[in-house]
Amino acid sequence: MKLIINSIASIFLLFGLAACSQGNVSNSDKKASTSAAQTTKTEKVETTKESNLDQTNTAQNSDNPASSTASTQQTQASNNTSDTTQSEPTTNQNQVPVSLVETVDGDTIKVNYDGKETTVRYLLVDTPEEKKPGTCVQPFAMDAANRNKQLVNSGKLTLEFEEHNKTDKYGRLLAYVYVNGQSVQETLLKEGYARVAYIYYPPYKHLSEYQADENMAKGKGLNIWSKAGYSTSNGFVGCVSSGTTTQNSSTSGTTQPKPVTASSSTTTQSTETEYFANCTELRKKYPDGVPKGHPAYQDKMDRDKDGYACER
């Protein structure tokens, strides 16, 4: 009997332990579920706050379109600045901007410089004469003047100087001339409208380039180099015949060289001579002097060796 009672008690004890175990598991699950629910609720609250903040920012931008527009304009301005910087020609820091007044001839212009109108004579080059007093119109003079006019009117004009040789004896500025950063002298030399000349005070910044340009034009027989003996170290020999015009006088497009022929545009140097003892005597008849090739020209009267004797 006691054994039976003990067995029954053991059975009840086992059932009690099982019930307690199930209760503990259930409580643990409930706690985990509650924690998960709280986490989810926190995430929802944070998401709601972020959404409200985005809506607030959107509303503020909508209420203040200037801010959004300013930002957009700033980005566009940055892009435009980049594009402009790439497209604009670069200018050497040694070059001085000037404005053109007029073209005088193939190697001379007038500009507004330092607040006043100034004549600029191109450094290191010489073109045929068309306006020099006492000088006939020389072949290719009009062509060189027209080409020079076309160049200096085609963009931003700047000048560069040699510190040791800034003006000539006539008070004209001596300068390297550029349009949009491109050398006008080099263009005239390359196309055969000018020769290298007046190398008085070397060294010069661009003499070697100019000599190379001249040699290239010589090799191709362009313009002033198209007739042997016309362009010399002392200037140009010959005049345009009466009633004729020089070649290539078009002011637009690329000018193609045409040979000079004695029958169409030049005359040979005169075999007659006029003798004057000195420049004083010569100027009585020719007040402004005479060019090389003139019957009265004498080397001894051309002291500066510029191809012009007794000029004032």
C-alpha atoms as a PDB file:
ATOM      1  CA  MET A   1       0.000   0.000   0.000  1.00  0.00           C
ATOM      2  CA  LYS A   2       2.786   2.435   0.842  1.00  0.00           C
ATOM      3  CA  LEU A   3       4.483   1.508  -2.366  1.00  0.00           C
ATOM      4  CA  ILE A   4       1.398   2.384  -4.371  1.00  0.00           C
ATOM      5  CA  ILE A   5       1.035   5.724  -2.645  1.00  0.00           C
ATOM      6  CA  ASN A   6       4.664   6.563  -3.333  1.00  0.00           C
ATOM      7  CA  SER A   7       4.235   5.706  -7.000  1.00  0.00           C
ATOM      8  CA  ILE A   8       1.186   7.936  -7.321  1.00  0.00           C
ATOM      9  CA  ALA A   9       3.059  10.783  -5.645  1.00  0.00           C
ATOM     10  CA  SER A  10       5.940  10.357  -8.088  1.00  0.00           C
ATOM     11  CA  ILE A  11       3.588  10.557 -11.036  1.00  0.00           C
ATOM     12  CA  PHE A  12       2.018  13.819  -9.760  1.00  0.00           C
ATOM     13  CA  LEU A  13       5.475  15.210  -9.173  1.00  0.00           C
ATOM     14  CA  LEU A  14       6.502  14.496 -12.780  1.00  0.00           C
ATOM     15  CA  PHE A  15       3.359  16.159 -14.124  1.00  0.00           C
ATOM     16  CA  GLY A  16       4.061  19.239 -11.994  1.00  0.00           C
ATOM     17  CA  LEU A  17       7.618  19.575 -13.263  1.00  0.00           C
ATOM     18  CA  ALA A  18       6.482  19.319 -16.887  1.00  0.00           C
ATOM     19  CA  ALA A  19       3.885  22.030 -16.407  1.00  0.00           C
ATOM     20  CA  CYS A  20       6.439  24.365 -14.870  1.00  0.00           C
ATOM     21  CA  SER A  21       8.823  23.786 -17.778  1.00  0.00           C
ATOM     22  CA  GLN A  22       6.141  24.606 -20.302  1.00  0.00           C
ATOM     23  CA  GLY A  23       5.272  27.779 -18.446  1.00  0.00           C
ATOM     24  CA  ASN A  24       8.850  28.986 -18.448  1.00  0.00           C
ATOM     25  CA  VAL A  25       9.185  28.373 -22.196  1.00  0.00           C
ATOM     26  CA  SER A  26       5.942  30.202 -22.858  1.00  0.00           C
ATOM     27  CA  ASN A  27       7.105  33.188 -20.767  1.00  0.00           C
ATOM     28  CA  SER A  28      10.453  33.291 -22.667  1.00  0.00           C
ATOM     29  CA  ASP A  29       8.643  33.261 -26.019  1.00  0.00           C
ATOM     30  CA  LYS A  30       6.363  36.027 -24.843  1.00  0.00           C
ATOM     31  CA  LYS A  31       9.369  38.160 -23.806  1.00  0.00           C
ATOM     32  CA  ALA A  32      11.094  37.586 -27.151  1.00  0.00           C
ATOM     33  CA  SER A  33       7.933  38.445 -29.025  1.00  0.00           C
ATOM     34  CA  THR A  34       7.481  41.600 -26.959  1.00  0.00           C
ATOM     35  CA  SER A  35      11.102  42.665 -27.644  1.00  0.00           C
ATOM     36  CA  ALA A  36      10.685  42.098 -31.382  1.00  0.00           C
ATOM     37  CA  ALA A  37       7.490  44.092 -31.406  1.00  0.00           C
ATOM     38  CA  GLN A  38       9.172  46.981 -29.611  1.00  0.00           C
ATOM     39  CA  THR A  39      12.073  46.920 -32.106  1.00  0.00           C
ATOM     40  CA  THR A  40       9.661  46.967 -35.028  1.00  0.00           C
ATOM     41  CA  LYS A  41       7.765  49.845 -33.444  1.00  0.00           C
ATOM     42  CA  THR A  42      11.048  51.795 -32.988  1.00  0.00           C
ATOM     43  CA  GLU A  43      12.018  51.241 -36.644  1.00  0.00           C
ATOM     44  CA  LYS A  44       8.575  52.437 -37.750  1.00  0.00           C
ATOM     45  CA  VAL A  45       8.935  55.587 -35.632  1.00  0.00           C
ATOM     46  CA  GLU A  46      12.413  56.318 -37.094  1.00  0.00           C
ATOM     47  CA  THR A  47      11.173  55.697 -40.629  1.00  0.00           C
ATOM     48  CA  THR A  48       8.246  58.023 -39.996  1.00  0.00           C
ATOM     49  CA  LYS A  49      10.629  60.739 -38.705  1.00  0.00           C
ATOM     50  CA  GLU A  50      12.878  60.413 -41.776  1.00  0.00           C
ATOM     51  CA  SER A  51       9.871  60.592 -44.068  1.00  0.00           C
ATOM     52  CA  ASN A  52       8.611  63.694 -42.292  1.00  0.00           C
ATOM     53  CA  LEU A  53      12.093  65.284 -42.527  1.00  0.00           C
ATOM     54  CA  ASP A  54      12.280  64.605 -46.295  1.00  0.00           C
ATOM     55  CA  GLN A  55       8.811  66.072 -46.739  1.00  0.00           C
ATOM     56  CA  THR A  56       9.847  69.144 -44.718  1.00  0.00           C
ATOM     57  CA  ASN A  57      12.999  69.661 -46.841  1.00  0.00           C
ATOM     58  CA  THR A  58      10.987  69.254 -50.026  1.00  0.00           C
ATOM     59  CA  ALA A  59       8.458  71.773 -48.819  1.00  0.00           C
ATOM     60  CA  GLN A  60      11.222  74.233 -47.891  1.00  0.00           C
ATOM     61  CA  ASN A  61      12.833  73.908 -51.305  1.00  0.00           C
ATOM     62  CA  SER A  62       9.426  74.338 -52.897  1.00  0.00           C
ATOM     63  CA  ASP A  63       8.830  77.460 -50.802  1.00  0.00           C
ATOM     64  CA  ASN A  64      12.318  78.813 -51.649  1.00  0.00           C
ATOM     65  CA  PRO A  65      12.853  78.171 -55.393  1.00  0.00           C
ATOM     66  CA  ALA A  66      15.700  80.730 -55.477  1.00  0.00           C
ATOM     67  CA  SER A  67      17.913  78.365 -53.511  1.00  0.00           C
ATOM     68  CA  SER A  68      17.316  75.497 -55.918  1.00  0.00           C
ATOM     69  CA  THR A  69      17.703  77.775 -58.939  1.00  0.00           C
ATOM     70  CA  ALA A  70      20.905  79.284 -57.557  1.00  0.00           C
ATOM     71  CA  SER A  71      22.384  75.823 -57.115  1.00  0.00           C
ATOM     72  CA  THR A  72      21.428  74.856 -60.662  1.00  0.00           C
ATOM     73  CA  GLN A  73      22.780  78.119 -62.067  1.00  0.00           C
ATOM     74  CA  GLN A  74      26.032  77.665 -60.171  1.00  0.00           C
ATOM     75  CA  THR A  75      26.497  74.214 -61.721  1.00  0.00           C
ATOM     76  CA  GLN A  76      25.667  75.519 -65.194  1.00  0.00           C
ATOM     77  CA  ALA A  77      28.009  78.508 -64.724  1.00  0.00           C
ATOM     78  CA  SER A  78      30.800  76.142 -63.749  1.00  0.00           C
ATOM     79  CA  ASN A  79      30.229  74.093 -66.897  1.00  0.00           C
ATOM     80  CA  ASN A  80      30.025  77.209 -69.059  1.00  0.00           C
ATOM     81  CA  THR A  81      33.234  78.576 -67.561  1.00  0.00           C
ATOM     82  CA  SER A  82      34.996  75.344 -68.400  1.00  0.00           C
ATOM     83  CA  ASP A  83      33.748  75.482 -71.994  1.00  0.00           C
ATOM     84  CA  THR A  84      34.715  79.155 -72.372  1.00  0.00           C
ATOM     85  CA  THR A  85      38.177  78.576 -71.015  1.00  0.00           C
ATOM     86  CA  GLN A  86      38.783  75.887 -73.606  1.00  0.00           C
ATOM     87  CA  SER A  87      37.489  77.921 -76.560  1.00  0.00           C
ATOM     88  CA  GLU A  88      39.125  81.311 -75.889  1.00  0.00           C
ATOM     89  CA  PRO A  89      42.622  81.889 -77.345  1.00  0.00           C
ATOM     90  CA  THR A  90      45.421  82.119 -74.850  1.00  0.00           C
ATOM     91  CA  THR A  91      47.353  85.356 -74.581  1.00  0.00           C
ATOM     92  CA  ASN A  92      51.005  85.554 -73.613  1.00  0.00           C
ATOM     93  CA  GLN A  93      51.439  87.511 -70.375  1.00  0.00           C
ATOM     94  CA  ASN A  94      54.030  89.707 -72.146  1.00  0.00           C
ATOM     95  CA  GLN A  95      51.481  90.883 -74.716  1.00  0.00           C
ATOM     96  CA  VAL A  96      49.625  94.173 -74.285  1.00  0.00           C
ATOM     97  CA  PRO A  97      46.023  94.490 -75.564  1.00  0.00           C
ATOM     98  CA  VAL A  98      45.382  97.411 -77.941  1.00  0.00           C
ATOM     99  CA  SER A  99      42.570  98.519 -80.237  1.00  0.00           C
ATOM    100  CA  LEU A 100      43.063  99.085 -83.951  1.00  0.00           C
ATOM    101  CA  VAL A 101      42.618 102.568 -85.413  1.00  0.00           C
ATOM    102  CA  GLU A 102      43.629 101.862 -89.011  1.00  0.00           C
ATOM    103  CA  THR A 103      45.957  99.876 -91.246  1.00  0.00           C
ATOM    104  CA  VAL A 104      48.639 102.073 -92.829  1.00  0.00           C
ATOM    105  CA  ASP A 105      50.366  99.559 -95.129  1.00  0.00           C
ATOM    106  CA  GLY A 106      51.751  96.029 -95.107  1.00  0.00           C
ATOM    107  CA  ASP A 107      53.948  96.490 -92.047  1.00  0.00           C
ATOM    108  CA  THR A 108      52.473  99.473 -90.200  1.00  0.00           C
ATOM    109  CA  ILE A 109      49.253 100.116 -88.262  1.00  0.00           C
ATOM    110  CA  LYS A 110      47.822 102.746 -85.934  1.00  0.00           C
ATOM    111  CA  VAL A 111      46.414 101.691 -82.572  1.00  0.00           C
ATOM    112  CA  ASN A 112      45.082 103.088 -79.324  1.00  0.00           C
ATOM    113  CA  TYR A 113      47.888 102.354 -76.866  1.00  0.00           C
ATOM    114  CA  ASP A 114      48.368 103.692 -73.362  1.00  0.00           C
ATOM    115  CA  GLY A 115      45.498 106.145 -73.839  1.00  0.00           C
ATOM    116  CA  LYS A 116      46.570 107.685 -77.130  1.00  0.00           C
ATOM    117  CA  GLU A 117      46.730 106.967 -80.860  1.00  0.00           C
ATOM    118  CA  THR A 118      50.138 105.526 -81.764  1.00  0.00           C
ATOM    119  CA  THR A 119      51.796 104.288 -84.947  1.00  0.00           C
ATOM    120  CA  VAL A 120      53.203 100.757 -84.715  1.00  0.00           C
ATOM    121  CA  ARG A 121      55.958  99.570 -87.043  1.00  0.00           C
ATOM    122  CA  TYR A 122      56.284  95.774 -87.213  1.00  0.00           C
ATOM    123  CA  LEU A 123      59.559  94.523 -85.770  1.00  0.00           C
ATOM    124  CA  LEU A 124      62.007  92.656 -88.038  1.00  0.00           C
ATOM    125  CA  VAL A 125      59.922  92.676 -91.232  1.00  0.00           C
ATOM    126  CA  ASP A 126      59.618  94.810 -94.339  1.00  0.00           C
ATOM    127  CA  THR A 127      56.930  94.799 -97.032  1.00  0.00           C
ATOM    128  CA  PRO A 128      56.896  96.582-100.422  1.00  0.00           C
ATOM    129  CA  GLU A 129      56.060 100.288-100.364  1.00  0.00           C
ATOM    130  CA  GLU A 130      52.863 101.867-101.617  1.00  0.00           C
ATOM    131  CA  LYS A 131      52.623 105.167 -99.705  1.00  0.00           C
ATOM    132  CA  LYS A 132      56.178 106.224 -98.857  1.00  0.00           C
ATOM    133  CA  PRO A 133      56.811 109.752-100.179  1.00  0.00           C
ATOM    134  CA  GLY A 134      59.051 109.806-103.229  1.00  0.00           C
ATOM    135  CA  THR A 135      58.630 106.060-103.726  1.00  0.00           C
ATOM    136  CA  CYS A 136      56.813 104.382-106.573  1.00  0.00           C
ATOM    137  CA  VAL A 137      54.185 101.751-105.854  1.00  0.00           C
ATOM    138  CA  GLN A 138      56.121  98.499-105.691  1.00  0.00           C
ATOM    139  CA  PRO A 139      54.852  95.069-106.762  1.00  0.00           C
ATOM    140  CA  PHE A 140      52.870  93.274-104.055  1.00  0.00           C
ATOM    141  CA  ALA A 141      52.632  96.452-101.942  1.00  0.00           C
ATOM    142  CA  MET A 142      48.840  96.545-102.196  1.00  0.00           C
ATOM    143  CA  ASP A 143      48.657  92.792-101.676  1.00  0.00           C
ATOM    144  CA  ALA A 144      50.687  93.003 -98.475  1.00  0.00           C
ATOM    145  CA  ALA A 145      48.616  95.946 -97.215  1.00  0.00           C
ATOM    146  CA  ASN A 146      45.344  94.150 -97.946  1.00  0.00           C
ATOM    147  CA  ARG A 147      46.525  90.949 -96.277  1.00  0.00           C
ATOM    148  CA  ASN A 148      47.734  92.876 -93.237  1.00  0.00           C
ATOM    149  CA  LYS A 149      44.391  94.685 -93.013  1.00  0.00           C
ATOM    150  CA  GLN A 150      42.543  91.387 -93.184  1.00  0.00           C
ATOM    151  CA  LEU A 151      44.657  89.915 -90.401  1.00  0.00           C
ATOM    152  CA  VAL A 152      44.538  92.791 -87.891  1.00  0.00           C
ATOM    153  CA  ASN A 153      40.771  93.128 -88.289  1.00  0.00           C
ATOM    154  CA  SER A 154      40.098  89.450 -87.617  1.00  0.00           C
ATOM    155  CA  GLY A 155      40.324  89.289 -83.817  1.00  0.00           C
ATOM    156  CA  LYS A 156      41.834  90.471 -80.537  1.00  0.00           C
ATOM    157  CA  LEU A 157      44.916  92.608 -81.194  1.00  0.00           C
ATOM    158  CA  THR A 158      47.950  92.513 -78.869  1.00  0.00           C
ATOM    159  CA  LEU A 159      51.539  93.806 -78.963  1.00  0.00           C
ATOM    160  CA  GLU A 160      54.806  92.462 -77.599  1.00  0.00           C
ATOM    161  CA  PHE A 161      57.973  94.563 -77.254  1.00  0.00           C
ATOM    162  CA  GLU A 162      61.728  94.214 -77.090  1.00  0.00           C
ATOM    163  CA  GLU A 163      62.832  96.164 -74.029  1.00  0.00           C
ATOM    164  CA  HIS A 164      66.039  97.356 -75.685  1.00  0.00           C
ATOM    165  CA  ASN A 165      64.384  98.409 -78.945  1.00  0.00           C
ATOM    166  CA  LYS A 166      60.889  99.796 -78.330  1.00  0.00           C
ATOM    167  CA  THR A 167      60.784 102.794 -80.705  1.00  0.00           C
ATOM    168  CA  ASP A 168      62.451 103.783 -83.970  1.00  0.00           C
ATOM    169  CA  LYS A 169      64.036 107.093 -84.972  1.00  0.00           C
ATOM    170  CA  TYR A 170      60.636 108.382 -86.086  1.00  0.00           C
ATOM    171  CA  GLY A 171      59.094 107.766 -82.662  1.00  0.00           C
ATOM    172  CA  ARG A 172      56.989 104.828 -83.843  1.00  0.00           C
ATOM    173  CA  LEU A 173      56.459 101.858 -81.560  1.00  0.00           C
ATOM    174  CA  LEU A 174      58.374  98.769 -82.691  1.00  0.00           C
ATOM    175  CA  ALA A 175      56.406  95.655 -81.821  1.00  0.00           C
ATOM    176  CA  TYR A 176      55.545  92.059 -82.503  1.00  0.00           C
ATOM    177  CA  VAL A 177      51.874  92.078 -83.513  1.00  0.00           C
ATOM    178  CA  TYR A 178      49.402  89.303 -82.705  1.00  0.00           C
ATOM    179  CA  VAL A 179      45.754  88.565 -83.478  1.00  0.00           C
ATOM    180  CA  ASN A 180      44.131  86.023 -81.158  1.00  0.00           C
ATOM    181  CA  GLY A 181      47.628  85.020 -80.099  1.00  0.00           C
ATOM    182  CA  GLN A 182      48.801  84.333 -83.674  1.00  0.00           C
ATOM    183  CA  SER A 183      51.773  86.296 -85.042  1.00  0.00           C
ATOM    184  CA  VAL A 184      50.907  88.677 -87.889  1.00  0.00           C
ATOM    185  CA  GLN A 185      54.587  88.947 -88.841  1.00  0.00           C
ATOM    186  CA  GLU A 186      54.907  85.189 -89.204  1.00  0.00           C
ATOM    187  CA  THR A 187      51.826  85.000 -91.405  1.00  0.00           C
ATOM    188  CA  LEU A 188      53.127  87.729 -93.726  1.00  0.00           C
ATOM    189  CA  LEU A 189      56.515  86.020 -93.925  1.00  0.00           C
ATOM    190  CA  LYS A 190      55.098  82.543 -94.519  1.00  0.00           C
ATOM    191  CA  GLU A 191      52.833  83.807 -97.311  1.00  0.00           C
ATOM    192  CA  GLY A 192      55.639  85.704 -99.030  1.00  0.00           C
ATOM    193  CA  TYR A 193      54.430  89.265 -98.404  1.00  0.00           C
ATOM    194  CA  ALA A 194      57.362  90.323 -96.217  1.00  0.00           C
ATOM    195  CA  ARG A 195      61.100  89.841 -95.828  1.00  0.00           C
ATOM    196  CA  VAL A 196      63.172  89.771 -92.629  1.00  0.00           C
ATOM    197  CA  ALA A 197      64.869  93.148 -92.185  1.00  0.00           C
ATOM    198  CA  TYR A 198      66.181  95.826 -89.794  1.00  0.00           C
ATOM    199  CA  ILE A 199      68.202  93.585 -87.490  1.00  0.00           C
ATOM    200  CA  TYR A 200      69.829  96.455 -85.607  1.00  0.00           C
ATOM    201  CA  TYR A 201      70.012  95.395 -81.959  1.00  0.00           C
ATOM    202  CA  PRO A 202      70.191  91.618 -81.548  1.00  0.00           C
ATOM    203  CA  PRO A 203      69.355  89.382 -79.885  1.00  0.00           C
ATOM    204  CA  TYR A 204      65.658  89.327 -80.755  1.00  0.00           C
ATOM    205  CA  LYS A 205      63.042  87.015 -79.262  1.00  0.00           C
ATOM    206  CA  HIS A 206      61.619  85.741 -82.555  1.00  0.00           C
ATOM    207  CA  LEU A 207      64.328  86.283 -85.149  1.00  0.00           C
ATOM    208  CA  SER A 208      65.070  82.587 -85.684  1.00  0.00           C
ATOM    209  CA  GLU A 209      61.385  81.766 -86.274  1.00  0.00           C
ATOM    210  CA  TYR A 210      61.058  84.660 -88.725  1.00  0.00           C
ATOM    211  CA  GLN A 211      64.109  83.572 -90.682  1.00  0.00           C
ATOM    212  CA  ALA A 212      62.714  80.043 -90.931  1.00  0.00           C
ATOM    213  CA  ASP A 213      59.379  81.440 -92.176  1.00  0.00           C
ATOM    214  CA  GLU A 214      61.170  83.559 -94.787  1.00  0.00           C
ATOM    215  CA  ASN A 215      63.195  80.597 -96.026  1.00  0.00           C
ATOM    216  CA  MET A 216      60.030  78.537 -96.383  1.00  0.00           C
ATOM    217  CA  ALA A 217      58.388  81.238 -98.534  1.00  0.00           C
ATOM    218  CA  LYS A 218      61.584  81.586-100.591  1.00  0.00           C
ATOM    219  CA  GLY A 219      61.655  77.866-101.229  1.00  0.00           C
ATOM    220  CA  LYS A 220      58.081  77.958-102.529  1.00  0.00           C
ATOM    221  CA  GLY A 221      58.616  81.115-104.598  1.00  0.00           C
ATOM    222  CA  LEU A 222      55.680  82.908-102.990  1.00  0.00           C
ATOM    223  CA  ASN A 223      54.790  86.478-103.974  1.00  0.00           C
ATOM    224  CA  ILE A 224      57.841  88.732-103.381  1.00  0.00           C
ATOM    225  CA  TRP A 225      60.055  85.678-103.940  1.00  0.00           C
ATOM    226  CA  SER A 226      58.432  84.775-107.265  1.00  0.00           C
ATOM    227  CA  LYS A 227      60.818  86.937-109.328  1.00  0.00           C
ATOM    228  CA  ALA A 228      64.570  86.633-108.938  1.00  0.00           C
ATOM    229  CA  GLY A 229      66.246  89.817-107.776  1.00  0.00           C
ATOM    230  CA  TYR A 230      63.070  91.637-106.742  1.00  0.00           C
ATOM    231  CA  SER A 231      63.493  91.189-102.973  1.00  0.00           C
ATOM    232  CA  THR A 232      67.020  91.985-101.777  1.00  0.00           C
ATOM    233  CA  SER A 233      68.781  92.535 -98.467  1.00  0.00           C
ATOM    234  CA  ASN A 234      68.373  96.287 -99.044  1.00  0.00           C
ATOM    235  CA  GLY A 235      64.724  96.316-100.066  1.00  0.00           C
ATOM    236  CA  PHE A 236      62.638  95.774-103.185  1.00  0.00           C
ATOM    237  CA  VAL A 237      63.737  96.622-106.715  1.00  0.00           C
ATOM    238  CA  GLY A 238      61.214  97.784-109.294  1.00  0.00           C
ATOM    239  CA  CYS A 239      57.907  99.585-109.603  1.00  0.00           C
ATOM    240  CA  VAL A 240      54.446  98.703-110.783  1.00  0.00           C
ATOM    241  CA  SER A 241      54.063  99.759-114.414  1.00  0.00           C
ATOM    242  CA  SER A 242      51.799 102.694-115.117  1.00  0.00           C
ATOM    243  CA  GLY A 243      48.214 101.602-115.592  1.00  0.00           C
ATOM    244  CA  THR A 244      48.679  98.176-113.976  1.00  0.00           C
ATOM    245  CA  THR A 245      47.804  96.788-110.595  1.00  0.00           C
ATOM    246  CA  THR A 246      49.523  94.281-108.365  1.00  0.00           C
ATOM    247  CA  GLN A 247      48.387  90.695-108.109  1.00  0.00           C
ATOM    248  CA  ASN A 248      46.385  89.033-105.364  1.00  0.00           C
ATOM    249  CA  SER A 249      44.650  92.160-104.079  1.00  0.00           C
ATOM    250  CA  SER A 250      41.675  90.220-102.758  1.00  0.00           C
ATOM    251  CA  THR A 251      41.036  90.859 -99.079  1.00  0.00           C
ATOM    252  CA  SER A 252      39.184  87.629 -98.377  1.00  0.00           C
ATOM    253  CA  GLY A 253      40.220  84.003 -98.317  1.00  0.00           C
ATOM    254  CA  THR A 254      43.677  82.555 -98.788  1.00  0.00           C
ATOM    255  CA  THR A 255      45.664  84.392-101.426  1.00  0.00           C
ATOM    256  CA  GLN A 256      47.442  82.241-103.983  1.00  0.00           C
ATOM    257  CA  PRO A 257      50.802  83.488-105.216  1.00  0.00           C
ATOM    258  CA  LYS A 258      51.147  84.617-108.825  1.00  0.00           C
ATOM    259  CA  PRO A 259      54.517  85.187-110.475  1.00  0.00           C
ATOM    260  CA  VAL A 260      55.511  88.737-111.303  1.00  0.00           C
ATOM    261  CA  THR A 261      56.407  89.253-114.937  1.00  0.00           C
ATOM    262  CA  ALA A 262      58.263  92.227-116.341  1.00  0.00           C
ATOM    263  CA  SER A 263      55.600  92.752-118.990  1.00  0.00           C
ATOM    264  CA  SER A 264      52.692  92.881-116.565  1.00  0.00           C
ATOM    265  CA  SER A 265      53.711  94.466-113.283  1.00  0.00           C
ATOM    266  CA  THR A 266      57.329  95.508-112.941  1.00  0.00           C
ATOM    267  CA  THR A 267      59.936  97.516-114.693  1.00  0.00           C
ATOM    268  CA  THR A 268      63.635  96.883-114.469  1.00  0.00           C
ATOM    269  CA  GLN A 269      65.879  99.235-112.565  1.00  0.00           C
ATOM    270  CA  SER A 270      66.660 102.311-114.616  1.00  0.00           C
ATOM    271  CA  THR A 271      70.119 102.474-116.203  1.00  0.00           C
ATOM    272  CA  GLU A 272      70.056 106.280-116.023  1.00  0.00           C
ATOM    273  CA  THR A 273      71.499 107.989-112.961  1.00  0.00           C
ATOM    274  CA  GLU A 274      71.172 111.323-111.261  1.00  0.00           C
ATOM    275  CA  TYR A 275      74.152 112.475-109.266  1.00  0.00           C
ATOM    276  CA  PHE A 276      73.974 114.586-106.126  1.00  0.00           C
ATOM    277  CA  ALA A 277      76.979 115.396-104.004  1.00  0.00           C
ATOM    278  CA  ASN A 278      75.085 114.913-100.736  1.00  0.00           C
ATOM    279  CA  CYS A 279      71.608 114.646 -99.211  1.00  0.00           C
ATOM    280  CA  THR A 280      71.265 118.408 -98.949  1.00  0.00           C
ATOM    281  CA  GLU A 281      71.573 118.689-102.717  1.00  0.00           C
ATOM    282  CA  LEU A 282      69.358 115.669-103.337  1.00  0.00           C
ATOM    283  CA  ARG A 283      66.559 116.992-101.124  1.00  0.00           C
ATOM    284  CA  LYS A 284      66.355 120.151-103.192  1.00  0.00           C
ATOM    285  CA  LYS A 285      64.798 117.985-105.884  1.00  0.00           C
ATOM    286  CA  TYR A 286      63.502 115.085-103.755  1.00  0.00           C
ATOM    287  CA  PRO A 287      62.528 116.547-100.344  1.00  0.00           C
ATOM    288  CA  ASP A 288      61.692 113.173 -98.815  1.00  0.00           C
ATOM    289  CA  GLY A 289      64.633 111.224-100.206  1.00  0.00           C
ATOM    290  CA  VAL A 290      64.653 108.361-102.724  1.00  0.00           C
ATOM    291  CA  PRO A 291      64.390 104.550-102.516  1.00  0.00           C
ATOM    292  CA  LYS A 292      66.920 102.017-103.701  1.00  0.00           C
ATOM    293  CA  GLY A 293      66.431 101.579-107.427  1.00  0.00           C
ATOM    294  CA  HIS A 294      65.790 105.273-107.991  1.00  0.00           C
ATOM    295  CA  PRO A 295      68.231 106.955-110.441  1.00  0.00           C
ATOM    296  CA  ALA A 296      69.384 109.296-107.641  1.00  0.00           C
ATOM    297  CA  TYR A 297      69.916 106.598-105.014  1.00  0.00           C
ATOM    298  CA  GLN A 298      73.466 106.117-103.685  1.00  0.00           C
ATOM    299  CA  ASP A 299      74.492 103.617-101.001  1.00  0.00           C
ATOM    300  CA  LYS A 300      76.582 106.212 -99.184  1.00  0.00           C
ATOM    301  CA  MET A 301      73.451 108.331 -98.660  1.00  0.00           C
ATOM    302  CA  ASP A 302      71.560 105.392 -97.148  1.00  0.00           C
ATOM    303  CA  ARG A 303      73.243 105.524 -93.752  1.00  0.00           C
ATOM    304  CA  ASP A 304      70.795 103.272 -91.921  1.00  0.00           C
ATOM    305  CA  LYS A 305      70.795 100.793 -94.812  1.00  0.00           C
ATOM    306  CA  ASP A 306      67.019 100.593 -94.950  1.00  0.00           C
ATOM    307  CA  GLY A 307      66.849 100.848 -98.721  1.00  0.00           C
ATOM    308  CA  TYR A 308      65.957 104.550 -98.628  1.00  0.00           C
ATOM    309  CA  ALA A 309      68.448 107.403 -99.074  1.00  0.00           C
ATOM    310  CA  CYS A 310      68.219 110.845 -97.503  1.00  0.00           C
ATOM    311  CA  GLU A 311      64.838 110.284 -95.893  1.00  0.00           C
ATOM    312  CA  ARG A 312      63.881 112.783 -93.236  1.00  0.00           C
END
